[in-house]
Amino acid sequence: MIKHHFSSGLYAKETHIPANHWLVQHAHNFDHLSILAEGTVELLADGQSQVISAPACLTIPAGTHHGVRSLTDVVWYCLHATEYTDVDDIDEKLTKPINEIAVKALSEALNGGK
């Protein structure tokens, strides 16, 4: 489930992820903050894997393809500085075109090389 929140030049994308799921993320055009508000994830970014438990606040650098595997039920927020508020295409405004090679590598890593 995804919820969108906007306030004075700030966009927060709230994502609820059930336990034992993984999401391969895209790369963003700008650095952004991610807040793990609830739960525990395995974060894979730049070839490094780490387990993170809430509460946690992370900076995801621009251009970094990253993925998360939910080890428990998770609530994850991505925070972006933007005035854009159209939820139908906000991801297109904030993200880089998908790099299929990077996404495949993350998918394989999050699936144990499968």
N, C-alpha and C. Protein backbone atom coordinates (compact mmCIF):
# COMPACT_ATOMS: atom_id res chain seq x y z
N MET A 1 0.84 -1.17 0.00
CA MET A 1 0.00 0.00 0.00
C MET A 1 0.89 1.24 0.00
N ILE A 2 0.51 2.22 -0.80
CA ILE A 2 1.26 3.46 -0.89
C ILE A 2 0.34 4.63 -0.57
N LYS A 3 0.86 5.56 0.24
CA LYS A 3 0.17 6.81 0.55
C LYS A 3 1.11 7.95 0.18
N HIS A 4 0.54 9.06 -0.30
CA HIS A 4 1.32 10.23 -0.68
C HIS A 4 1.01 11.38 0.27
N HIS A 5 2.07 12.09 0.70
CA HIS A 5 1.93 13.22 1.61
C HIS A 5 2.71 14.41 1.04
N PHE A 6 2.11 15.60 1.08
CA PHE A 6 2.75 16.81 0.55
C PHE A 6 2.65 17.94 1.56
N SER A 7 3.74 18.75 1.64
CA SER A 7 3.71 19.94 2.51
C SER A 7 4.86 20.86 2.13
N SER A 8 4.54 22.06 1.70
CA SER A 8 5.52 23.14 1.49
C SER A 8 6.84 22.68 0.87
N GLY A 9 6.79 22.15 -0.34
CA GLY A 9 8.01 21.76 -1.02
C GLY A 9 8.58 20.42 -0.60
N LEU A 10 7.80 19.63 0.10
CA LEU A 10 8.26 18.32 0.56
C LEU A 10 7.23 17.25 0.19
N TYR A 11 7.72 16.17 -0.37
CA TYR A 11 6.88 15.02 -0.73
C TYR A 11 7.36 13.82 0.05
N ALA A 12 6.45 13.11 0.69
CA ALA A 12 6.76 11.87 1.40
C ALA A 12 5.92 10.75 0.79
N LYS A 13 6.60 9.72 0.33
CA LYS A 13 5.92 8.53 -0.19
C LYS A 13 5.99 7.46 0.90
N GLU A 14 4.84 7.09 1.40
CA GLU A 14 4.73 6.10 2.48
C GLU A 14 4.40 4.75 1.87
N THR A 15 5.24 3.76 2.12
CA THR A 15 5.03 2.43 1.56
C THR A 15 4.94 1.41 2.69
N HIS A 16 3.89 0.62 2.65
CA HIS A 16 3.71 -0.49 3.61
C HIS A 16 4.09 -1.77 2.86
N ILE A 17 5.04 -2.52 3.41
CA ILE A 17 5.54 -3.73 2.77
C ILE A 17 5.32 -4.89 3.74
N PRO A 18 4.58 -5.92 3.30
CA PRO A 18 4.40 -7.08 4.18
C PRO A 18 5.72 -7.84 4.36
N ALA A 19 5.80 -8.60 5.43
CA ALA A 19 7.00 -9.41 5.70
C ALA A 19 7.28 -10.35 4.55
N ASN A 20 8.56 -10.61 4.34
CA ASN A 20 9.05 -11.57 3.35
C ASN A 20 8.78 -11.17 1.90
N HIS A 21 8.78 -9.87 1.63
CA HIS A 21 8.68 -9.37 0.26
C HIS A 21 9.92 -8.55 -0.05
N TRP A 22 10.23 -8.39 -1.33
CA TRP A 22 11.31 -7.50 -1.68
C TRP A 22 10.86 -6.58 -2.79
N LEU A 23 11.44 -5.41 -2.76
CA LEU A 23 11.18 -4.39 -3.77
C LEU A 23 12.50 -3.95 -4.35
N VAL A 24 12.62 -4.02 -5.65
CA VAL A 24 13.77 -3.43 -6.31
C VAL A 24 13.38 -2.01 -6.64
N GLN A 25 14.13 -1.09 -6.16
CA GLN A 25 13.81 0.32 -6.35
C GLN A 25 14.49 0.86 -7.59
N HIS A 26 14.11 2.03 -7.97
CA HIS A 26 14.73 2.74 -9.06
C HIS A 26 15.81 3.64 -8.48
N ALA A 27 16.49 4.33 -9.34
CA ALA A 27 17.46 5.33 -8.90
C ALA A 27 16.81 6.70 -9.02
N HIS A 28 17.12 7.58 -8.11
CA HIS A 28 16.52 8.91 -8.09
C HIS A 28 17.47 9.94 -8.70
N ASN A 29 16.89 11.02 -9.20
CA ASN A 29 17.67 12.10 -9.79
C ASN A 29 18.43 12.92 -8.75
N PHE A 30 17.95 12.91 -7.52
CA PHE A 30 18.56 13.70 -6.44
C PHE A 30 18.70 12.82 -5.20
N ASP A 31 19.66 13.17 -4.33
CA ASP A 31 19.73 12.51 -3.02
C ASP A 31 18.37 12.68 -2.34
N HIS A 32 18.00 11.69 -1.54
CA HIS A 32 16.77 11.82 -0.76
C HIS A 32 16.91 11.04 0.54
N LEU A 33 16.08 11.41 1.49
CA LEU A 33 16.05 10.69 2.76
C LEU A 33 15.05 9.56 2.68
N SER A 34 15.38 8.45 3.31
CA SER A 34 14.44 7.35 3.51
C SER A 34 14.36 7.10 5.00
N ILE A 35 13.14 6.93 5.46
CA ILE A 35 12.93 6.68 6.89
C ILE A 35 12.25 5.32 7.04
N LEU A 36 12.89 4.43 7.75
CA LEU A 36 12.29 3.16 8.13
C LEU A 36 11.59 3.42 9.45
N ALA A 37 10.26 3.56 9.39
CA ALA A 37 9.48 3.92 10.57
C ALA A 37 9.09 2.72 11.41
N GLU A 38 8.96 1.57 10.75
CA GLU A 38 8.50 0.37 11.45
C GLU A 38 9.09 -0.85 10.76
N GLY A 39 9.59 -1.80 11.54
CA GLY A 39 10.03 -3.07 11.00
C GLY A 39 11.53 -3.17 10.78
N THR A 40 11.91 -4.24 10.07
CA THR A 40 13.30 -4.54 9.77
C THR A 40 13.42 -4.93 8.30
N VAL A 41 14.45 -4.39 7.64
CA VAL A 41 14.69 -4.69 6.22
C VAL A 41 16.14 -5.09 6.02
N GLU A 42 16.37 -5.76 4.90
CA GLU A 42 17.71 -5.90 4.36
C GLU A 42 17.78 -4.90 3.22
N LEU A 43 18.72 -3.96 3.31
CA LEU A 43 18.91 -2.95 2.29
C LEU A 43 20.12 -3.33 1.46
N LEU A 44 19.95 -3.32 0.14
CA LEU A 44 21.06 -3.57 -0.77
C LEU A 44 21.23 -2.33 -1.63
N ALA A 45 22.41 -1.72 -1.53
CA ALA A 45 22.71 -0.52 -2.32
C ALA A 45 24.21 -0.52 -2.60
N ASP A 46 24.55 -0.19 -3.84
CA ASP A 46 25.96 -0.14 -4.24
C ASP A 46 26.68 -1.45 -3.93
N GLY A 47 26.00 -2.57 -4.09
CA GLY A 47 26.62 -3.87 -3.87
C GLY A 47 26.81 -4.25 -2.42
N GLN A 48 26.38 -3.41 -1.51
CA GLN A 48 26.51 -3.68 -0.08
C GLN A 48 25.15 -4.03 0.50
N SER A 49 25.14 -4.99 1.39
CA SER A 49 23.90 -5.41 2.04
C SER A 49 24.02 -5.11 3.53
N GLN A 50 22.93 -4.59 4.10
CA GLN A 50 22.91 -4.38 5.54
C GLN A 50 21.50 -4.55 6.07
N VAL A 51 21.40 -5.06 7.28
CA VAL A 51 20.11 -5.21 7.95
C VAL A 51 19.90 -3.96 8.80
N ILE A 52 18.71 -3.37 8.63
CA ILE A 52 18.38 -2.13 9.33
C ILE A 52 17.04 -2.32 10.03
N SER A 53 16.97 -1.89 11.28
CA SER A 53 15.72 -1.94 12.05
C SER A 53 15.27 -0.53 12.38
N ALA A 54 13.96 -0.35 12.42
CA ALA A 54 13.37 0.94 12.77
C ALA A 54 13.62 1.24 14.23
N PRO A 55 13.72 2.50 14.55
CA PRO A 55 13.66 3.65 13.67
C PRO A 55 15.02 3.91 13.03
N ALA A 56 15.01 4.32 11.76
CA ALA A 56 16.25 4.62 11.06
C ALA A 56 15.99 5.65 9.98
N CYS A 57 16.96 6.53 9.78
CA CYS A 57 16.89 7.54 8.73
C CYS A 57 18.16 7.41 7.89
N LEU A 58 18.00 7.25 6.59
CA LEU A 58 19.11 7.00 5.68
C LEU A 58 19.10 8.01 4.55
N THR A 59 20.26 8.34 4.03
CA THR A 59 20.35 9.12 2.80
C THR A 59 20.65 8.16 1.67
N ILE A 60 19.81 8.19 0.63
CA ILE A 60 20.03 7.40 -0.57
C ILE A 60 20.59 8.37 -1.62
N PRO A 61 21.85 8.17 -2.02
CA PRO A 61 22.46 9.10 -2.98
C PRO A 61 21.79 9.03 -4.35
N ALA A 62 21.81 10.15 -5.05
CA ALA A 62 21.27 10.21 -6.41
C ALA A 62 21.95 9.15 -7.28
N GLY A 63 21.17 8.53 -8.15
CA GLY A 63 21.71 7.56 -9.10
C GLY A 63 21.97 6.18 -8.54
N THR A 64 21.66 5.94 -7.27
CA THR A 64 21.92 4.64 -6.65
C THR A 64 20.71 3.73 -6.80
N HIS A 65 20.88 2.63 -7.54
CA HIS A 65 19.82 1.62 -7.58
C HIS A 65 19.89 0.86 -6.27
N HIS A 66 18.75 0.70 -5.64
CA HIS A 66 18.75 0.05 -4.34
C HIS A 66 17.50 -0.82 -4.21
N GLY A 67 17.57 -1.78 -3.33
CA GLY A 67 16.44 -2.68 -3.10
C GLY A 67 16.32 -2.98 -1.63
N VAL A 68 15.11 -3.38 -1.23
CA VAL A 68 14.88 -3.77 0.15
C VAL A 68 14.11 -5.09 0.19
N ARG A 69 14.49 -5.89 1.16
CA ARG A 69 13.74 -7.11 1.47
C ARG A 69 13.17 -6.90 2.87
N SER A 70 11.85 -7.03 2.99
CA SER A 70 11.22 -6.85 4.30
C SER A 70 11.39 -8.13 5.11
N LEU A 71 12.01 -8.01 6.25
CA LEU A 71 12.19 -9.17 7.13
C LEU A 71 11.02 -9.27 8.11
N THR A 72 10.31 -8.16 8.29
CA THR A 72 9.09 -8.09 9.10
C THR A 72 8.12 -7.20 8.30
N ASP A 73 6.92 -6.98 8.80
CA ASP A 73 6.07 -5.95 8.20
C ASP A 73 6.79 -4.61 8.35
N VAL A 74 6.73 -3.79 7.30
CA VAL A 74 7.55 -2.58 7.24
C VAL A 74 6.70 -1.38 6.84
N VAL A 75 7.03 -0.23 7.42
CA VAL A 75 6.55 1.07 6.93
C VAL A 75 7.79 1.88 6.59
N TRP A 76 7.88 2.29 5.31
CA TRP A 76 9.07 2.95 4.77
C TRP A 76 8.63 4.25 4.11
N TYR A 77 9.33 5.33 4.40
CA TYR A 77 9.04 6.63 3.79
C TYR A 77 10.23 7.08 2.94
N CYS A 78 9.95 7.60 1.76
CA CYS A 78 10.96 8.30 0.96
C CYS A 78 10.56 9.77 0.94
N LEU A 79 11.50 10.64 1.28
CA LEU A 79 11.24 12.07 1.37
C LEU A 79 12.01 12.81 0.27
N HIS A 80 11.29 13.65 -0.47
CA HIS A 80 11.89 14.38 -1.58
C HIS A 80 11.54 15.85 -1.48
N ALA A 81 12.53 16.71 -1.75
CA ALA A 81 12.29 18.14 -1.86
C ALA A 81 11.76 18.40 -3.27
N THR A 82 10.49 18.74 -3.39
CA THR A 82 9.87 19.02 -4.69
C THR A 82 8.57 19.78 -4.49
N GLU A 83 8.25 20.58 -5.46
CA GLU A 83 6.96 21.27 -5.48
C GLU A 83 5.94 20.47 -6.29
N TYR A 84 6.39 19.41 -6.95
CA TYR A 84 5.52 18.62 -7.82
C TYR A 84 4.54 17.80 -6.97
N THR A 85 3.25 17.77 -7.35
CA THR A 85 2.25 17.10 -6.51
C THR A 85 1.32 16.16 -7.28
N ASP A 86 1.60 15.89 -8.54
CA ASP A 86 0.73 14.99 -9.31
C ASP A 86 1.15 13.54 -9.05
N VAL A 87 0.36 12.81 -8.26
CA VAL A 87 0.74 11.45 -7.87
C VAL A 87 0.73 10.48 -9.05
N ASP A 88 0.05 10.83 -10.14
CA ASP A 88 0.00 9.94 -11.29
C ASP A 88 1.34 9.82 -12.01
N ASP A 89 2.18 10.85 -11.92
CA ASP A 89 3.46 10.74 -12.60
C ASP A 89 4.64 11.31 -11.80
N ILE A 90 4.48 11.42 -10.49
CA ILE A 90 5.55 11.98 -9.68
C ILE A 90 6.81 11.11 -9.74
N ASP A 91 6.65 9.78 -9.82
CA ASP A 91 7.83 8.92 -9.91
C ASP A 91 8.64 9.24 -11.16
N GLU A 92 7.97 9.54 -12.27
CA GLU A 92 8.67 9.89 -13.50
C GLU A 92 9.48 11.18 -13.33
N LYS A 93 8.99 12.10 -12.53
CA LYS A 93 9.68 13.37 -12.31
C LYS A 93 10.90 13.21 -11.40
N LEU A 94 10.85 12.25 -10.48
CA LEU A 94 11.89 12.13 -9.47
C LEU A 94 12.92 11.04 -9.74
N THR A 95 12.65 10.18 -10.71
CA THR A 95 13.53 9.03 -10.92
C THR A 95 14.22 9.07 -12.27
N LYS A 96 15.31 8.33 -12.34
CA LYS A 96 16.03 8.14 -13.59
C LYS A 96 15.37 7.00 -14.36
N PRO A 97 15.58 6.93 -15.67
CA PRO A 97 15.08 5.77 -16.41
C PRO A 97 15.65 4.49 -15.80
N ILE A 98 14.86 3.44 -15.81
CA ILE A 98 15.28 2.18 -15.19
C ILE A 98 16.48 1.60 -15.92
N ASN A 99 17.49 1.23 -15.14
CA ASN A 99 18.68 0.55 -15.65
C ASN A 99 18.44 -0.94 -15.45
N GLU A 100 18.06 -1.62 -16.52
CA GLU A 100 17.67 -3.04 -16.43
C GLU A 100 18.79 -3.91 -15.87
N ILE A 101 20.04 -3.61 -16.18
CA ILE A 101 21.17 -4.40 -15.68
C ILE A 101 21.27 -4.26 -14.16
N ALA A 102 21.15 -3.02 -13.66
CA ALA A 102 21.23 -2.79 -12.21
C ALA A 102 20.06 -3.45 -11.50
N VAL A 103 18.87 -3.36 -12.08
CA VAL A 103 17.69 -3.97 -11.46
C VAL A 103 17.84 -5.49 -11.43
N LYS A 104 18.33 -6.08 -12.50
CA LYS A 104 18.53 -7.53 -12.55
C LYS A 104 19.54 -7.96 -11.49
N ALA A 105 20.63 -7.22 -11.35
CA ALA A 105 21.65 -7.54 -10.35
C ALA A 105 21.07 -7.47 -8.94
N LEU A 106 20.25 -6.43 -8.67
CA LEU A 106 19.63 -6.34 -7.36
C LEU A 106 18.65 -7.48 -7.12
N SER A 107 17.87 -7.80 -8.15
CA SER A 107 16.89 -8.90 -8.02
C SER A 107 17.61 -10.21 -7.70
N GLU A 108 18.69 -10.47 -8.39
CA GLU A 108 19.45 -11.70 -8.14
C GLU A 108 20.05 -11.70 -6.74
N ALA A 109 20.60 -10.57 -6.33
CA ALA A 109 21.20 -10.50 -5.00
C ALA A 109 20.15 -10.69 -3.91
N LEU A 110 18.99 -10.06 -4.08
CA LEU A 110 17.93 -10.19 -3.08
C LEU A 110 17.30 -11.57 -3.08
N ASN A 111 17.46 -12.31 -4.17
CA ASN A 111 16.94 -13.67 -4.26
C ASN A 111 18.02 -14.72 -4.04
N GLY A 112 19.13 -14.32 -3.46
CA GLY A 112 20.20 -15.26 -3.18
C GLY A 112 20.91 -15.76 -4.42
N GLY A 113 21.01 -14.91 -5.45
CA GLY A 113 21.73 -15.29 -6.66
C GLY A 113 20.90 -16.04 -7.67
N LYS A 114 19.58 -16.14 -7.46
CA LYS A 114 18.72 -16.89 -8.36
C LYS A 114 18.09 -15.99 -9.39
